C-alpha atoms as a PDB file:
ATOM      1  CA  MET A   1     128.580 151.832 168.371  1.00  0.00           C
ATOM      2  CA  LYS A   2     125.825 152.449 165.444  1.00  0.00           C
ATOM      3  CA  ILE A   3     122.986 154.026 167.882  1.00  0.00           C
ATOM      4  CA  PRO A   4     125.400 156.974 169.341  1.00  0.00           C
ATOM      5  CA  GLU A   5     127.173 158.046 165.950  1.00  0.00           C
ATOM      6  CA  ASN A   6     123.636 158.421 164.339  1.00  0.00           C
ATOM      7  CA  LEU A   7     122.533 160.940 167.375  1.00  0.00           C
ATOM      8  CA  ILE A   8     125.292 163.124 167.386  1.00  0.00           C
ATOM      9  CA  LYS A   9     124.948 163.115 163.549  1.00  0.00           C
ATOM     10  CA  PHE A  10     121.057 164.265 163.690  1.00  0.00           C
ATOM     11  CA  LYS A  11     121.439 166.215 166.372  1.00  0.00           C
ATOM     12  CA  PHE A  12     120.594 169.714 165.534  1.00  0.00           C
ATOM     13  CA  GLN A  13     117.490 167.655 163.868  1.00  0.00           C
ATOM     14  CA  ILE A  14     116.448 165.894 166.903  1.00  0.00           C
ATOM     15  CA  LEU A  15     117.189 169.166 169.070  1.00  0.00           C
ATOM     16  CA  LEU A  16     114.719 171.142 166.555  1.00  0.00           C
ATOM     17  CA  ALA A  17     112.261 168.532 166.671  1.00  0.00           C
ATOM     18  CA  THR A  18     112.101 168.494 170.826  1.00  0.00           C
ATOM     19  CA  THR A  19     111.591 172.266 170.997  1.00  0.00           C
ATOM     20  CA  PHE A  20     108.995 172.371 168.066  1.00  0.00           C
ATOM     21  CA  SER A  21     107.026 169.433 170.232  1.00  0.00           C
ATOM     22  CA  LEU A  22     107.852 171.473 173.273  1.00  0.00           C
ATOM     23  CA  ILE A  23     106.160 174.620 171.888  1.00  0.00           C
ATOM     24  CA  ILE A  24     103.208 173.184 170.319  1.00  0.00           C
ATOM     25  CA  LEU A  25     102.346 171.281 173.673  1.00  0.00           C
ATOM     26  CA  SER A  26     103.329 174.210 175.792  1.00  0.00           C
ATOM     27  CA  LEU A  27     100.643 176.212 173.276  1.00  0.00           C
ATOM     28  CA  LEU A  28      97.876 173.516 173.672  1.00  0.00           C
ATOM     29  CA  TYR A  29      97.906 173.623 177.255  1.00  0.00           C
ATOM     30  CA  ILE A  30      97.972 177.374 178.054  1.00  0.00           C
ATOM     31  CA  ALA A  31      95.522 178.019 175.244  1.00  0.00           C
ATOM     32  CA  PRO A  32      91.985 178.719 175.474  1.00  0.00           C
ATOM     33  CA  SER A  33      89.362 175.472 174.394  1.00  0.00           C
ATOM     34  CA  PHE A  34      87.861 176.207 171.352  1.00  0.00           C
ATOM     35  CA  LEU A  35      84.476 176.504 173.325  1.00  0.00           C
ATOM     36  CA  ASN A  36      85.455 178.982 175.079  1.00  0.00           C
ATOM     37  CA  ILE A  37      86.362 181.080 172.022  1.00  0.00           C
ATOM     38  CA  LEU A  38      82.880 180.404 170.469  1.00  0.00           C
ATOM     39  CA  ALA A  39      81.645 181.382 173.686  1.00  0.00           C
ATOM     40  CA  TYR A  40      82.813 184.683 173.014  1.00  0.00           C
ATOM     41  CA  PHE A  41      82.666 185.102 169.602  1.00  0.00           C
ATOM     42  CA  TRP A  42      79.156 183.682 169.103  1.00  0.00           C
ATOM     43  CA  PRO A  43      77.087 186.846 168.337  1.00  0.00           C
ATOM     44  CA  LEU A  44      79.871 188.229 165.801  1.00  0.00           C
ATOM     45  CA  LEU A  45      79.842 184.611 164.031  1.00  0.00           C
ATOM     46  CA  LEU A  46      75.759 184.741 164.141  1.00  0.00           C
ATOM     47  CA  SER A  47      75.343 187.964 162.724  1.00  0.00           C
ATOM     48  CA  THR A  48      77.938 187.444 160.096  1.00  0.00           C
ATOM     49  CA  ALA A  49      76.002 183.937 159.220  1.00  0.00           C
ATOM     50  CA  LEU A  50      72.265 186.263 159.083  1.00  0.00           C
ATOM     51  CA  PHE A  51      73.951 189.407 157.271  1.00  0.00           C
ATOM     52  CA  LEU A  52      75.203 186.473 154.676  1.00  0.00           C
ATOM     53  CA  VAL A  53      71.772 184.585 154.536  1.00  0.00           C
ATOM     54  CA  THR A  54      69.754 188.318 153.688  1.00  0.00           C
ATOM     55  CA  VAL A  55      72.652 188.757 151.012  1.00  0.00           C
ATOM     56  CA  VAL A  56      71.619 185.489 149.545  1.00  0.00           C
ATOM     57  CA  VAL A  57      67.667 186.001 150.119  1.00  0.00           C
ATOM     58  CA  PHE A  58      67.747 189.571 148.818  1.00  0.00           C
ATOM     59  CA  GLY A  59      69.689 188.346 145.574  1.00  0.00           C
ATOM     60  CA  LEU A  60      67.250 185.333 144.768  1.00  0.00           C
ATOM     61  CA  THR A  61      64.416 187.554 145.295  1.00  0.00           C
ATOM     62  CA  SER A  62      64.814 190.599 143.602  1.00  0.00           C
ATOM     63  CA  PRO A  63      63.721 191.549 140.083  1.00  0.00           C
ATOM     64  CA  PRO A  64      66.983 191.494 137.974  1.00  0.00           C
ATOM     65  CA  GLY A  65      67.177 195.503 136.748  1.00  0.00           C
ATOM     66  CA  ALA A  66      65.476 197.097 133.717  1.00  0.00           C
ATOM     67  CA  GLN A  67      67.891 197.044 131.114  1.00  0.00           C
ATOM     68  CA  VAL A  68      67.686 200.906 130.282  1.00  0.00           C
ATOM     69  CA  SER A  69      68.261 201.938 126.356  1.00  0.00           C
ATOM     70  CA  GLY A  70      71.077 204.918 127.832  1.00  0.00           C
ATOM     71  CA  GLU A  71      74.263 204.444 129.920  1.00  0.00           C
ATOM     72  CA  LYS A  72      74.555 201.423 132.137  1.00  0.00           C
ATOM     73  CA  ALA A  73      74.064 201.551 135.833  1.00  0.00           C
ATOM     74  CA  GLY A  74      77.418 202.953 137.758  1.00  0.00           C
ATOM     75  CA  GLU A  75      78.820 204.244 134.593  1.00  0.00           C
ATOM     76  CA  GLY A  76      77.941 208.308 134.861  1.00  0.00           C
ATOM     77  CA  ILE A  77      79.887 207.966 138.415  1.00  0.00           C
ATOM     78  CA  LEU A  78      82.868 205.968 136.854  1.00  0.00           C
ATOM     79  CA  ASP A  79      83.147 208.545 134.275  1.00  0.00           C
ATOM     80  CA  TYR A  80      83.587 210.953 136.828  1.00  0.00           C
ATOM     81  CA  VAL A  81      85.661 209.412 139.312  1.00  0.00           C
ATOM     82  CA  ALA A  82      87.844 208.500 136.396  1.00  0.00           C
ATOM     83  CA  GLY A  83      88.290 212.091 135.402  1.00  0.00           C
ATOM     84  CA  GLU A  84      86.783 212.010 132.062  1.00  0.00           C
ATOM     85  CA  PRO A  85      85.748 215.592 131.191  1.00  0.00           C
ATOM     86  CA  GLU A  86      81.842 215.665 130.339  1.00  0.00           C
ATOM     87  CA  PRO A  87      80.857 217.556 126.679  1.00  0.00           C
ATOM     88  CA  VAL A  88      80.512 220.515 127.210  1.00  0.00           C
ATOM     89  CA  VAL A  89      76.969 221.948 124.679  1.00  0.00           C
ATOM     90  CA  VAL A  90      77.740 225.321 123.877  1.00  0.00           C
ATOM     91  CA  LEU A  91      74.729 227.708 123.336  1.00  0.00           C
ATOM     92  CA  PRO A  92      74.665 230.381 120.863  1.00  0.00           C
ATOM     93  CA  GLU A  93      74.102 233.613 122.779  1.00  0.00           C
ATOM     94  CA  VAL A  94      70.389 235.358 122.897  1.00  0.00           C
ATOM     95  CA  GLY A  95      72.018 238.666 120.765  1.00  0.00           C
ATOM     96  CA  GLU A  96      74.148 236.995 118.321  1.00  0.00           C
ATOM     97  CA  GLY A  97      72.017 234.573 116.601  1.00  0.00           C
ATOM     98  CA  CYS A  98      69.256 236.677 115.850  1.00  0.00           C
ATOM     99  CA  SER A  99      69.267 239.403 113.297  1.00  0.00           C
ATOM    100  CA  ASN A 100      65.988 241.128 113.613  1.00  0.00           C
ATOM    101  CA  SER A 101      66.116 244.318 110.687  1.00  0.00           C
ATOM    102  CA  ASP A 102      62.708 246.276 110.873  1.00  0.00           C
END
């Protein structure tokens, strides 16, 4: 008598586990095999792998950038994008600063 009582007590859990198992089994039956997926995507996977290898090789073989005493690389464009105004140098006009009295 104890088994039917436990079955009724856990009927929702049993139903949920059965439904989940049937869904997983049906997906495994319907889904394409791993080799079919690999056969379809092999050009994409190969090109991505070659690109990553190229990036690593260029990173290892390229000489480090020379440190310039001026601004760092990309700092000027970052200032421009951030909207910081560039300093404006006002030059005196030609006629104002010179007073030649002959």
